[in-house]
Amino acid sequence: MQPTQPMDGILTALAEQVDELDGLVAGLDEDGFALPSRCPGWSISDVLLHVAQTNEMATASAERRFTEEAAAFGNRAGTAPAGATVDDLAGMAVAAARGRPGKEVYDRWKASSAAQAAALGACEAGTRLPWVAGDLAAITLATTRLAELWIHTGDVAAGLGRELTPGARLRPIARLAWRTLPYAFARAGKTLSGPVALRLTAPDGTTWEFEPDDPAATTVSGPALDFCLVAARRVSPSETALTTTGPDGADVLDLVRTFA
């Protein structure tokens, strides 16, 4: 089994991801904040607002205020229709708070990022914290936050026409997607035929191998960036260089996620 990255390593990666996004948005004027992002219907300001809102939820979780914050979040978003998904609720929350100046949204995102870092940093890696999909270890919640921020940094970069250089922060994101495959299959009402292994080419050309304890029935191979983008639902598997062997290959690429 691939070893877990220590909590401080995840928090360092999260801080670096904050810095990368900050480098894209810190100098924007109101026209820049209003530019469309890669997220359909969301401006760059909307993306920052969403990340701030979810940062605040993560902070509340680490500080044992999640129930109260979730209730307040729901009140701010408004009444959700029957069958609303997590994405629907996130969209409603952004819509309800949309309209503030971009610089104000930016300041909220920065403050929420600092508060989240402090709150998660005060937790032991194995501490169980409530989240959207149920209780998670603190290190898993921190990795989930890293994955979301990486995704939305890409959304902002696309809106600004900027190219990002992928790096080692992809490794814990890929591992998160791999580790949560059973959950992704269960949500879809499907069952894995057997364990899944990954053979991913890292941005520096080395190989990242994620091996289950038991022999793998299915193996996914290819660029780590492609795998993470597929798990982020930002590209279709058919648009990537990923290949699979084994009975569940197509379903793995269809169902893999980095988020609840």
C-alpha atoms as a PDB file:
ATOM      1  CA  MET A   1       0.000   0.000   0.000  1.00  0.00           C
ATOM      2  CA  GLN A   2       1.282   3.477  -0.905  1.00  0.00           C
ATOM      3  CA  PRO A   3       2.254   5.336   2.295  1.00  0.00           C
ATOM      4  CA  THR A   4       0.240   8.349   3.361  1.00  0.00           C
ATOM      5  CA  GLN A   5       1.927  11.739   3.011  1.00  0.00           C
ATOM      6  CA  PRO A   6       2.368  13.341   6.459  1.00  0.00           C
ATOM      7  CA  MET A   7      -0.088  16.049   7.491  1.00  0.00           C
ATOM      8  CA  ASP A   8       2.546  18.780   7.337  1.00  0.00           C
ATOM      9  CA  GLY A   9       3.344  17.800   3.752  1.00  0.00           C
ATOM     10  CA  ILE A  10      -0.293  18.153   2.731  1.00  0.00           C
ATOM     11  CA  LEU A  11      -0.603  21.494   4.494  1.00  0.00           C
ATOM     12  CA  THR A  12       2.556  22.718   2.775  1.00  0.00           C
ATOM     13  CA  ALA A  13       1.153  21.657  -0.603  1.00  0.00           C
ATOM     14  CA  LEU A  14      -2.118  23.418   0.227  1.00  0.00           C
ATOM     15  CA  ALA A  15      -0.238  26.624   1.105  1.00  0.00           C
ATOM     16  CA  GLU A  16       1.697  26.408  -2.163  1.00  0.00           C
ATOM     17  CA  GLN A  17      -1.565  25.968  -4.054  1.00  0.00           C
ATOM     18  CA  VAL A  18      -2.974  29.074  -2.352  1.00  0.00           C
ATOM     19  CA  ASP A  19       0.125  30.957  -3.489  1.00  0.00           C
ATOM     20  CA  GLU A  20      -0.285  29.773  -7.074  1.00  0.00           C
ATOM     21  CA  LEU A  21      -3.888  30.956  -7.237  1.00  0.00           C
ATOM     22  CA  ASP A  22      -2.960  34.207  -5.499  1.00  0.00           C
ATOM     23  CA  GLY A  23      -0.345  34.816  -8.167  1.00  0.00           C
ATOM     24  CA  LEU A  24      -3.112  34.700 -10.768  1.00  0.00           C
ATOM     25  CA  VAL A  25      -5.680  36.936  -9.074  1.00  0.00           C
ATOM     26  CA  ALA A  26      -3.914  39.329  -6.692  1.00  0.00           C
ATOM     27  CA  GLY A  27      -3.523  42.086  -9.269  1.00  0.00           C
ATOM     28  CA  LEU A  28      -6.879  41.799 -11.037  1.00  0.00           C
ATOM     29  CA  ASP A  29      -9.154  44.799 -11.437  1.00  0.00           C
ATOM     30  CA  GLU A  30     -12.947  44.524 -11.466  1.00  0.00           C
ATOM     31  CA  ASP A  31     -12.983  43.676 -15.165  1.00  0.00           C
ATOM     32  CA  GLY A  32     -10.523  40.875 -14.499  1.00  0.00           C
ATOM     33  CA  PHE A  33     -12.567  39.427 -11.644  1.00  0.00           C
ATOM     34  CA  ALA A  34     -15.612  39.507 -13.936  1.00  0.00           C
ATOM     35  CA  LEU A  35     -13.982  37.405 -16.658  1.00  0.00           C
ATOM     36  CA  PRO A  36     -15.584  33.982 -17.225  1.00  0.00           C
ATOM     37  CA  SER A  37     -13.735  31.043 -15.690  1.00  0.00           C
ATOM     38  CA  ARG A  38     -13.627  27.468 -16.950  1.00  0.00           C
ATOM     39  CA  CYS A  39     -16.619  26.720 -14.669  1.00  0.00           C
ATOM     40  CA  PRO A  40     -19.747  27.213 -16.804  1.00  0.00           C
ATOM     41  CA  GLY A  41     -21.669  30.272 -15.654  1.00  0.00           C
ATOM     42  CA  TRP A  42     -19.077  31.315 -13.070  1.00  0.00           C
ATOM     43  CA  SER A  43     -16.797  34.316 -13.262  1.00  0.00           C
ATOM     44  CA  ILE A  44     -13.351  34.338 -11.679  1.00  0.00           C
ATOM     45  CA  SER A  45     -14.901  36.183  -8.741  1.00  0.00           C
ATOM     46  CA  ASP A  46     -17.527  33.427  -8.431  1.00  0.00           C
ATOM     47  CA  VAL A  47     -14.797  30.788  -8.260  1.00  0.00           C
ATOM     48  CA  LEU A  48     -13.029  32.665  -5.469  1.00  0.00           C
ATOM     49  CA  LEU A  49     -16.348  33.077  -3.650  1.00  0.00           C
ATOM     50  CA  HIS A  50     -17.040  29.347  -3.866  1.00  0.00           C
ATOM     51  CA  VAL A  51     -13.576  28.467  -2.564  1.00  0.00           C
ATOM     52  CA  ALA A  52     -14.000  30.958   0.284  1.00  0.00           C
ATOM     53  CA  GLN A  53     -17.359  29.458   1.209  1.00  0.00           C
ATOM     54  CA  THR A  54     -15.988  25.914   1.261  1.00  0.00           C
ATOM     55  CA  ASN A  55     -12.848  27.037   3.111  1.00  0.00           C
ATOM     56  CA  GLU A  56     -15.156  28.436   5.787  1.00  0.00           C
ATOM     57  CA  MET A  57     -16.970  25.101   5.961  1.00  0.00           C
ATOM     58  CA  ALA A  58     -13.669  23.238   6.382  1.00  0.00           C
ATOM     59  CA  THR A  59     -12.565  25.636   9.102  1.00  0.00           C
ATOM     60  CA  ALA A  60     -15.839  25.100  10.935  1.00  0.00           C
ATOM     61  CA  SER A  61     -15.357  21.338  10.649  1.00  0.00           C
ATOM     62  CA  ALA A  62     -11.867  21.471  12.135  1.00  0.00           C
ATOM     63  CA  GLU A  63     -13.134  23.750  14.901  1.00  0.00           C
ATOM     64  CA  ARG A  64     -16.135  21.493  15.672  1.00  0.00           C
ATOM     65  CA  ARG A  65     -18.656  24.018  14.354  1.00  0.00           C
ATOM     66  CA  PHE A  66     -19.636  22.121  11.219  1.00  0.00           C
ATOM     67  CA  THR A  67     -23.303  21.521  12.062  1.00  0.00           C
ATOM     68  CA  GLU A  68     -23.905  25.195  12.747  1.00  0.00           C
ATOM     69  CA  GLU A  69     -21.951  26.340   9.681  1.00  0.00           C
ATOM     70  CA  ALA A  70     -23.714  23.815   7.426  1.00  0.00           C
ATOM     71  CA  ALA A  71     -27.087  25.094   8.646  1.00  0.00           C
ATOM     72  CA  ALA A  72     -26.024  28.697   8.033  1.00  0.00           C
ATOM     73  CA  PHE A  73     -24.698  27.720   4.594  1.00  0.00           C
ATOM     74  CA  GLY A  74     -28.058  26.171   3.748  1.00  0.00           C
ATOM     75  CA  ASN A  75     -29.922  29.254   4.938  1.00  0.00           C
ATOM     76  CA  ARG A  76     -27.713  31.490   2.822  1.00  0.00           C
ATOM     77  CA  ALA A  77     -28.160  29.292  -0.255  1.00  0.00           C
ATOM     78  CA  GLY A  78     -31.935  29.130   0.086  1.00  0.00           C
ATOM     79  CA  THR A  79     -34.355  26.239  -0.236  1.00  0.00           C
ATOM     80  CA  ALA A  80     -32.918  23.470  -2.375  1.00  0.00           C
ATOM     81  CA  PRO A  81     -35.189  21.539  -4.720  1.00  0.00           C
ATOM     82  CA  ALA A  82     -35.777  17.859  -4.106  1.00  0.00           C
ATOM     83  CA  GLY A  83     -32.875  15.766  -5.332  1.00  0.00           C
ATOM     84  CA  ALA A  84     -30.411  18.671  -5.327  1.00  0.00           C
ATOM     85  CA  THR A  85     -26.787  17.585  -5.569  1.00  0.00           C
ATOM     86  CA  VAL A  86     -23.741  18.986  -3.774  1.00  0.00           C
ATOM     87  CA  ASP A  87     -22.927  20.861  -6.979  1.00  0.00           C
ATOM     88  CA  ASP A  88     -26.449  22.311  -7.051  1.00  0.00           C
ATOM     89  CA  LEU A  89     -26.092  23.544  -3.477  1.00  0.00           C
ATOM     90  CA  ALA A  90     -22.689  25.064  -4.216  1.00  0.00           C
ATOM     91  CA  GLY A  91     -24.140  26.888  -7.192  1.00  0.00           C
ATOM     92  CA  MET A  92     -27.027  28.197  -5.122  1.00  0.00           C
ATOM     93  CA  ALA A  93     -24.655  29.428  -2.407  1.00  0.00           C
ATOM     94  CA  VAL A  94     -22.570  31.326  -4.955  1.00  0.00           C
ATOM     95  CA  ALA A  95     -25.654  32.809  -6.591  1.00  0.00           C
ATOM     96  CA  ALA A  96     -26.982  33.965  -3.223  1.00  0.00           C
ATOM     97  CA  ALA A  97     -23.747  35.816  -2.355  1.00  0.00           C
ATOM     98  CA  ARG A  98     -22.829  37.033  -5.845  1.00  0.00           C
ATOM     99  CA  GLY A  99     -22.514  40.747  -6.550  1.00  0.00           C
ATOM    100  CA  ARG A 100     -19.854  41.948  -4.132  1.00  0.00           C
ATOM    101  CA  PRO A 101     -16.811  43.779  -5.528  1.00  0.00           C
ATOM    102  CA  GLY A 102     -14.092  41.456  -6.740  1.00  0.00           C
ATOM    103  CA  LYS A 103     -11.520  42.842  -4.314  1.00  0.00           C
ATOM    104  CA  GLU A 104     -13.891  42.154  -1.421  1.00  0.00           C
ATOM    105  CA  VAL A 105     -14.353  38.571  -2.580  1.00  0.00           C
ATOM    106  CA  TYR A 106     -10.591  38.229  -2.956  1.00  0.00           C
ATOM    107  CA  ASP A 107     -10.033  39.470   0.602  1.00  0.00           C
ATOM    108  CA  ARG A 108     -12.633  36.986   1.887  1.00  0.00           C
ATOM    109  CA  TRP A 109     -10.892  34.152   0.063  1.00  0.00           C
ATOM    110  CA  LYS A 110      -7.490  35.122   1.473  1.00  0.00           C
ATOM    111  CA  ALA A 111      -8.825  35.370   5.022  1.00  0.00           C
ATOM    112  CA  SER A 112     -10.663  32.064   4.709  1.00  0.00           C
ATOM    113  CA  SER A 113      -7.525  30.365   3.370  1.00  0.00           C
ATOM    114  CA  ALA A 114      -5.491  31.523   6.359  1.00  0.00           C
ATOM    115  CA  ALA A 115      -8.207  30.468   8.802  1.00  0.00           C
ATOM    116  CA  GLN A 116      -8.505  27.043   7.175  1.00  0.00           C
ATOM    117  CA  ALA A 117      -4.738  26.497   7.319  1.00  0.00           C
ATOM    118  CA  ALA A 118      -4.666  27.370  11.019  1.00  0.00           C
ATOM    119  CA  ALA A 119      -7.669  25.191  11.857  1.00  0.00           C
ATOM    120  CA  LEU A 120      -6.450  22.130   9.954  1.00  0.00           C
ATOM    121  CA  GLY A 121      -2.928  22.666  11.259  1.00  0.00           C
ATOM    122  CA  ALA A 122      -4.237  22.337  14.804  1.00  0.00           C
ATOM    123  CA  CYS A 123      -5.629  18.849  14.072  1.00  0.00           C
ATOM    124  CA  GLU A 124      -3.854  15.515  14.311  1.00  0.00           C
ATOM    125  CA  ALA A 125      -3.770  13.734  10.954  1.00  0.00           C
ATOM    126  CA  GLY A 126      -6.141  10.972  12.063  1.00  0.00           C
ATOM    127  CA  THR A 127      -8.697  13.174  13.820  1.00  0.00           C
ATOM    128  CA  ARG A 128     -12.160  12.469  12.418  1.00  0.00           C
ATOM    129  CA  LEU A 129     -13.872  15.579  11.068  1.00  0.00           C
ATOM    130  CA  PRO A 130     -17.383  15.924   9.609  1.00  0.00           C
ATOM    131  CA  TRP A 131     -17.702  16.743   5.923  1.00  0.00           C
ATOM    132  CA  VAL A 132     -20.205  16.576   3.102  1.00  0.00           C
ATOM    133  CA  ALA A 133     -19.739  12.867   2.441  1.00  0.00           C
ATOM    134  CA  GLY A 134     -19.423  11.891   6.128  1.00  0.00           C
ATOM    135  CA  ASP A 135     -16.587  11.916   8.622  1.00  0.00           C
ATOM    136  CA  LEU A 136     -13.075  12.125   7.192  1.00  0.00           C
ATOM    137  CA  ALA A 137      -9.628  11.958   8.741  1.00  0.00           C
ATOM    138  CA  ALA A 138      -8.198  15.468   9.014  1.00  0.00           C
ATOM    139  CA  ILE A 139      -5.447  14.604   6.543  1.00  0.00           C
ATOM    140  CA  THR A 140      -8.070  13.426   4.040  1.00  0.00           C
ATOM    141  CA  LEU A 141     -10.072  16.621   4.439  1.00  0.00           C
ATOM    142  CA  ALA A 142      -6.891  18.655   3.932  1.00  0.00           C
ATOM    143  CA  THR A 143      -6.122  16.653   0.782  1.00  0.00           C
ATOM    144  CA  THR A 144      -9.671  17.188  -0.451  1.00  0.00           C
ATOM    145  CA  ARG A 145      -9.198  20.917   0.031  1.00  0.00           C
ATOM    146  CA  LEU A 146      -5.905  20.751  -1.876  1.00  0.00           C
ATOM    147  CA  ALA A 147      -7.618  18.912  -4.726  1.00  0.00           C
ATOM    148  CA  GLU A 148     -10.468  21.406  -4.928  1.00  0.00           C
ATOM    149  CA  LEU A 149      -8.138  24.375  -4.869  1.00  0.00           C
ATOM    150  CA  TRP A 150      -5.956  22.831  -7.579  1.00  0.00           C
ATOM    151  CA  ILE A 151      -9.035  22.296  -9.748  1.00  0.00           C
ATOM    152  CA  HIS A 152     -10.275  25.844  -9.297  1.00  0.00           C
ATOM    153  CA  THR A 153      -6.819  27.323  -9.839  1.00  0.00           C
ATOM    154  CA  GLY A 154      -6.976  25.688 -13.249  1.00  0.00           C
ATOM    155  CA  ASP A 155     -10.461  27.117 -13.793  1.00  0.00           C
ATOM    156  CA  VAL A 156      -9.166  30.619 -13.078  1.00  0.00           C
ATOM    157  CA  ALA A 157      -6.037  30.160 -15.184  1.00  0.00           C
ATOM    158  CA  ALA A 158      -8.176  29.058 -18.141  1.00  0.00           C
ATOM    159  CA  GLY A 159     -10.300  32.183 -17.788  1.00  0.00           C
ATOM    160  CA  LEU A 160      -7.178  34.327 -17.830  1.00  0.00           C
ATOM    161  CA  GLY A 161      -5.569  32.441 -20.708  1.00  0.00           C
ATOM    162  CA  ARG A 162      -2.668  31.372 -18.503  1.00  0.00           C
ATOM    163  CA  GLU A 163      -0.794  28.066 -18.638  1.00  0.00           C
ATOM    164  CA  LEU A 164       0.126  26.382 -15.345  1.00  0.00           C
ATOM    165  CA  THR A 165       3.077  24.062 -14.810  1.00  0.00           C
ATOM    166  CA  PRO A 166       2.027  20.831 -13.087  1.00  0.00           C
ATOM    167  CA  GLY A 167       4.201  19.552 -10.264  1.00  0.00           C
ATOM    168  CA  ALA A 168       4.474  17.246  -7.283  1.00  0.00           C
ATOM    169  CA  ARG A 169       1.216  18.523  -5.727  1.00  0.00           C
ATOM    170  CA  LEU A 170      -0.567  16.216  -8.144  1.00  0.00           C
ATOM    171  CA  ARG A 171       0.642  13.144  -6.246  1.00  0.00           C
ATOM    172  CA  PRO A 172      -1.641  13.431  -3.170  1.00  0.00           C
ATOM    173  CA  ILE A 173      -4.513  14.465  -5.463  1.00  0.00           C
ATOM    174  CA  ALA A 174      -4.053  11.332  -7.580  1.00  0.00           C
ATOM    175  CA  ARG A 175      -3.782   9.217  -4.451  1.00  0.00           C
ATOM    176  CA  LEU A 176      -7.007  10.704  -3.075  1.00  0.00           C
ATOM    177  CA  ALA A 177      -8.858   9.847  -6.279  1.00  0.00           C
ATOM    178  CA  TRP A 178      -7.439   6.315  -6.197  1.00  0.00           C
ATOM    179  CA  ARG A 179      -8.233   5.721  -2.530  1.00  0.00           C
ATOM    180  CA  THR A 180     -11.830   6.880  -2.916  1.00  0.00           C
ATOM    181  CA  LEU A 181     -12.669   4.673  -5.904  1.00  0.00           C
ATOM    182  CA  PRO A 182     -14.737   2.239  -3.779  1.00  0.00           C
ATOM    183  CA  TYR A 183     -16.813   5.188  -2.543  1.00  0.00           C
ATOM    184  CA  ALA A 184     -17.251   6.490  -6.108  1.00  0.00           C
ATOM    185  CA  PHE A 185     -18.425   3.073  -7.288  1.00  0.00           C
ATOM    186  CA  ALA A 186     -20.797   2.684  -4.325  1.00  0.00           C
ATOM    187  CA  ARG A 187     -22.365   6.076  -5.043  1.00  0.00           C
ATOM    188  CA  ALA A 188     -23.012   4.938  -8.598  1.00  0.00           C
ATOM    189  CA  GLY A 189     -24.538   1.660  -7.429  1.00  0.00           C
ATOM    190  CA  LYS A 190     -21.674  -0.364  -8.883  1.00  0.00           C
ATOM    191  CA  THR A 191     -19.148  -2.795  -7.431  1.00  0.00           C
ATOM    192  CA  LEU A 192     -15.481  -3.063  -8.296  1.00  0.00           C
ATOM    193  CA  SER A 193     -14.468  -6.469  -9.660  1.00  0.00           C
ATOM    194  CA  GLY A 194     -11.224  -6.186  -7.697  1.00  0.00           C
ATOM    195  CA  PRO A 195      -8.528  -3.756  -6.552  1.00  0.00           C
ATOM    196  CA  VAL A 196      -7.217  -1.016  -8.841  1.00  0.00           C
ATOM    197  CA  ALA A 197      -3.593   0.006  -9.387  1.00  0.00           C
ATOM    198  CA  LEU A 198      -2.236   3.195 -10.921  1.00  0.00           C
ATOM    199  CA  ARG A 199       0.958   3.602 -12.976  1.00  0.00           C
ATOM    200  CA  LEU A 200       1.226   7.336 -13.561  1.00  0.00           C
ATOM    201  CA  THR A 201       3.908   9.381 -15.251  1.00  0.00           C
ATOM    202  CA  ALA A 202       4.724  12.307 -12.976  1.00  0.00           C
ATOM    203  CA  PRO A 203       5.359  15.800 -14.369  1.00  0.00           C
ATOM    204  CA  ASP A 204       9.107  15.289 -13.859  1.00  0.00           C
ATOM    205  CA  GLY A 205       9.061  12.067 -15.881  1.00  0.00           C
ATOM    206  CA  THR A 206       9.323   9.649 -12.954  1.00  0.00           C
ATOM    207  CA  THR A 207       6.675   7.028 -12.257  1.00  0.00           C
ATOM    208  CA  TRP A 208       4.155   7.153  -9.423  1.00  0.00           C
ATOM    209  CA  GLU A 209       2.845   3.706  -8.569  1.00  0.00           C
ATOM    210  CA  PHE A 210      -0.211   3.186  -6.374  1.00  0.00           C
ATOM    211  CA  GLU A 211      -0.566  -0.485  -5.529  1.00  0.00           C
ATOM    212  CA  PRO A 212      -3.357  -2.151  -3.539  1.00  0.00           C
ATOM    213  CA  ASP A 213      -2.580  -4.713  -0.856  1.00  0.00           C
ATOM    214  CA  ASP A 214      -4.043  -7.504  -2.984  1.00  0.00           C
ATOM    215  CA  PRO A 215      -3.236  -8.143  -6.650  1.00  0.00           C
ATOM    216  CA  ALA A 216      -4.833  -5.546  -8.899  1.00  0.00           C
ATOM    217  CA  ALA A 217      -7.664  -6.582 -11.200  1.00  0.00           C
ATOM    218  CA  THR A 218      -7.552  -3.288 -13.103  1.00  0.00           C
ATOM    219  CA  THR A 219      -4.647  -0.968 -13.852  1.00  0.00           C
ATOM    220  CA  VAL A 220      -4.777   2.625 -15.088  1.00  0.00           C
ATOM    221  CA  SER A 221      -1.657   3.996 -16.780  1.00  0.00           C
ATOM    222  CA  GLY A 222      -0.689   7.332 -18.262  1.00  0.00           C
ATOM    223  CA  PRO A 223       0.147  10.926 -17.365  1.00  0.00           C
ATOM    224  CA  ALA A 224      -0.628  11.924 -13.772  1.00  0.00           C
ATOM    225  CA  LEU A 225      -1.985  15.257 -15.006  1.00  0.00           C
ATOM    226  CA  ASP A 226      -4.455  13.495 -17.286  1.00  0.00           C
ATOM    227  CA  PHE A 227      -5.637  11.250 -14.450  1.00  0.00           C
ATOM    228  CA  CYS A 228      -6.158  14.197 -12.099  1.00  0.00           C
ATOM    229  CA  LEU A 229      -8.006  16.199 -14.755  1.00  0.00           C
ATOM    230  CA  VAL A 230     -10.311  13.262 -15.418  1.00  0.00           C
ATOM    231  CA  ALA A 231     -10.925  12.859 -11.676  1.00  0.00           C
ATOM    232  CA  ALA A 232     -11.663  16.598 -11.517  1.00  0.00           C
ATOM    233  CA  ARG A 233     -14.206  16.195 -14.330  1.00  0.00           C
ATOM    234  CA  ARG A 234     -12.380  18.775 -16.409  1.00  0.00           C
ATOM    235  CA  VAL A 235     -11.570  16.540 -19.393  1.00  0.00           C
ATOM    236  CA  SER A 236     -13.093  13.417 -20.861  1.00  0.00           C
ATOM    237  CA  PRO A 237     -11.024  10.220 -20.633  1.00  0.00           C
ATOM    238  CA  SER A 238     -11.147  10.038 -24.430  1.00  0.00           C
ATOM    239  CA  GLU A 239      -9.222  13.319 -24.605  1.00  0.00           C
ATOM    240  CA  THR A 240      -6.290  11.934 -22.608  1.00  0.00           C
ATOM    241  CA  ALA A 241      -3.414   9.489 -23.015  1.00  0.00           C
ATOM    242  CA  LEU A 242      -4.721   7.246 -20.225  1.00  0.00           C
ATOM    243  CA  THR A 243      -4.963   3.534 -20.868  1.00  0.00           C
ATOM    244  CA  THR A 244      -6.485   0.741 -18.813  1.00  0.00           C
ATOM    245  CA  THR A 245      -6.291  -3.011 -18.476  1.00  0.00           C
ATOM    246  CA  GLY A 246      -8.728  -5.179 -16.573  1.00  0.00           C
ATOM    247  CA  PRO A 247     -12.497  -5.455 -16.215  1.00  0.00           C
ATOM    248  CA  ASP A 248     -13.227  -2.088 -14.584  1.00  0.00           C
ATOM    249  CA  GLY A 249     -11.060   0.236 -16.631  1.00  0.00           C
ATOM    250  CA  ALA A 250     -13.834   2.155 -18.384  1.00  0.00           C
ATOM    251  CA  ASP A 251     -15.888   2.470 -15.196  1.00  0.00           C
ATOM    252  CA  VAL A 252     -12.876   3.658 -13.190  1.00  0.00           C
ATOM    253  CA  LEU A 253     -12.274   6.518 -15.618  1.00  0.00           C
ATOM    254  CA  ASP A 254     -15.978   7.313 -15.736  1.00  0.00           C
ATOM    255  CA  LEU A 255     -16.506   7.354 -11.963  1.00  0.00           C
ATOM    256  CA  VAL A 256     -13.203   8.506 -10.438  1.00  0.00           C
ATOM    257  CA  ARG A 257     -13.561  11.770  -8.493  1.00  0.00           C
ATOM    258  CA  THR A 258     -11.469  14.046  -6.289  1.00  0.00           C
ATOM    259  CA  PHE A 259     -14.556  15.450  -4.561  1.00  0.00           C
ATOM    260  CA  ALA A 260     -17.843  14.332  -2.970  1.00  0.00           C
END
